[in-house]
N, C-alpha and C. Protein backbone atom coordinates (compact mmCIF):
# COMPACT_ATOMS: atom_id res chain seq x y z
N UNK A 1 17.20 -9.46 13.06
CA UNK A 1 16.31 -9.08 11.99
C UNK A 1 16.67 -9.90 10.76
N UNK A 2 15.66 -10.48 10.14
CA UNK A 2 15.88 -11.31 8.96
C UNK A 2 15.88 -10.47 7.68
N UNK A 3 16.18 -11.10 6.57
CA UNK A 3 16.17 -10.38 5.29
C UNK A 3 14.74 -10.00 4.90
N UNK A 4 14.62 -8.97 4.11
CA UNK A 4 13.31 -8.51 3.63
C UNK A 4 12.84 -9.41 2.50
N UNK A 5 11.61 -9.90 2.60
CA UNK A 5 11.02 -10.74 1.56
C UNK A 5 9.90 -9.95 0.90
N UNK A 6 10.21 -9.29 -0.21
CA UNK A 6 9.21 -8.46 -0.89
C UNK A 6 8.18 -9.30 -1.65
N UNK A 7 8.38 -10.61 -1.71
CA UNK A 7 7.38 -11.48 -2.34
C UNK A 7 6.18 -11.70 -1.41
N UNK A 8 6.36 -11.40 -0.14
CA UNK A 8 5.31 -11.58 0.87
C UNK A 8 4.39 -10.36 0.86
N UNK A 9 3.12 -10.51 0.47
CA UNK A 9 2.21 -9.36 0.43
C UNK A 9 2.08 -8.63 1.77
N UNK A 10 2.25 -9.35 2.87
CA UNK A 10 2.15 -8.71 4.18
C UNK A 10 3.26 -7.68 4.40
N UNK A 11 4.37 -7.85 3.71
CA UNK A 11 5.47 -6.87 3.79
C UNK A 11 4.96 -5.49 3.43
N UNK A 12 4.17 -5.40 2.37
CA UNK A 12 3.68 -4.11 1.91
C UNK A 12 2.64 -3.52 2.86
N UNK A 13 1.93 -4.36 3.56
CA UNK A 13 0.98 -3.85 4.55
C UNK A 13 1.71 -3.20 5.72
N UNK A 14 2.94 -3.59 5.94
CA UNK A 14 3.72 -2.99 7.02
C UNK A 14 4.44 -1.73 6.57
N UNK A 15 4.82 -1.64 5.29
CA UNK A 15 5.63 -0.51 4.85
C UNK A 15 4.84 0.58 4.15
N UNK A 16 3.66 0.29 3.66
CA UNK A 16 2.85 1.31 2.99
C UNK A 16 1.93 1.91 4.04
N UNK A 17 2.48 2.87 4.80
CA UNK A 17 1.76 3.43 5.94
C UNK A 17 0.42 4.05 5.57
N UNK A 18 0.35 4.72 4.42
CA UNK A 18 -0.90 5.39 4.07
C UNK A 18 -2.03 4.38 3.84
N UNK A 19 -1.70 3.15 3.46
CA UNK A 19 -2.74 2.13 3.31
C UNK A 19 -2.96 1.41 4.63
N UNK A 20 -1.88 1.05 5.31
CA UNK A 20 -1.98 0.29 6.56
C UNK A 20 -2.67 1.11 7.65
N UNK A 21 -2.39 2.42 7.70
CA UNK A 21 -2.95 3.26 8.75
C UNK A 21 -4.37 3.73 8.42
N UNK A 22 -4.78 3.61 7.18
CA UNK A 22 -6.11 4.06 6.77
C UNK A 22 -7.17 3.16 7.42
N UNK A 23 -8.18 3.74 8.07
CA UNK A 23 -9.20 2.91 8.71
C UNK A 23 -9.93 1.99 7.73
N UNK A 24 -10.04 2.42 6.47
CA UNK A 24 -10.72 1.60 5.46
C UNK A 24 -9.73 0.73 4.68
N UNK A 25 -8.44 0.81 5.02
CA UNK A 25 -7.38 0.08 4.31
C UNK A 25 -7.43 0.34 2.81
N UNK A 26 -7.70 1.60 2.46
CA UNK A 26 -7.75 2.02 1.06
C UNK A 26 -6.34 2.04 0.48
N UNK A 27 -6.22 1.54 -0.74
CA UNK A 27 -4.94 1.58 -1.45
C UNK A 27 -4.78 2.99 -2.01
N UNK A 28 -4.27 3.89 -1.19
CA UNK A 28 -4.17 5.31 -1.53
C UNK A 28 -3.33 5.55 -2.78
N UNK A 29 -2.15 4.95 -2.93
CA UNK A 29 -1.38 5.20 -4.15
C UNK A 29 -2.14 4.83 -5.42
N UNK A 30 -2.87 3.71 -5.41
CA UNK A 30 -3.65 3.31 -6.58
C UNK A 30 -4.81 4.28 -6.80
N UNK A 31 -5.44 4.71 -5.74
CA UNK A 31 -6.54 5.68 -5.83
C UNK A 31 -6.06 6.97 -6.49
N UNK A 32 -4.89 7.45 -6.10
CA UNK A 32 -4.32 8.67 -6.68
C UNK A 32 -3.99 8.45 -8.16
N UNK A 33 -3.45 7.26 -8.50
CA UNK A 33 -3.16 6.96 -9.91
C UNK A 33 -4.44 6.98 -10.75
N UNK A 34 -5.52 6.43 -10.22
CA UNK A 34 -6.79 6.42 -10.95
C UNK A 34 -7.32 7.84 -11.15
N UNK A 35 -7.22 8.67 -10.13
CA UNK A 35 -7.65 10.07 -10.26
C UNK A 35 -6.82 10.76 -11.33
N UNK A 36 -5.51 10.56 -11.31
CA UNK A 36 -4.63 11.18 -12.29
C UNK A 36 -4.95 10.71 -13.70
N UNK A 37 -5.42 9.47 -13.84
CA UNK A 37 -5.77 8.93 -15.15
C UNK A 37 -7.16 9.36 -15.59
N UNK A 38 -7.87 10.11 -14.74
CA UNK A 38 -9.20 10.60 -15.09
C UNK A 38 -10.30 9.58 -14.90
N UNK A 39 -10.09 8.61 -14.06
CA UNK A 39 -11.09 7.56 -13.86
C UNK A 39 -11.98 7.88 -12.69
C-alpha cells in the first residue's frame, strides 16, 4: 500500500462514502452545510 495523496481528488471519492455511494453522487456534506446556512 502506498502513501495517501490527499492532493488527488479521486482520493476523496473513495473515502467520502456518503458521496461515493450516492446514486446521484451528491456532495452530501456540502448540501448539509448549505441547509444549515439557510440556503
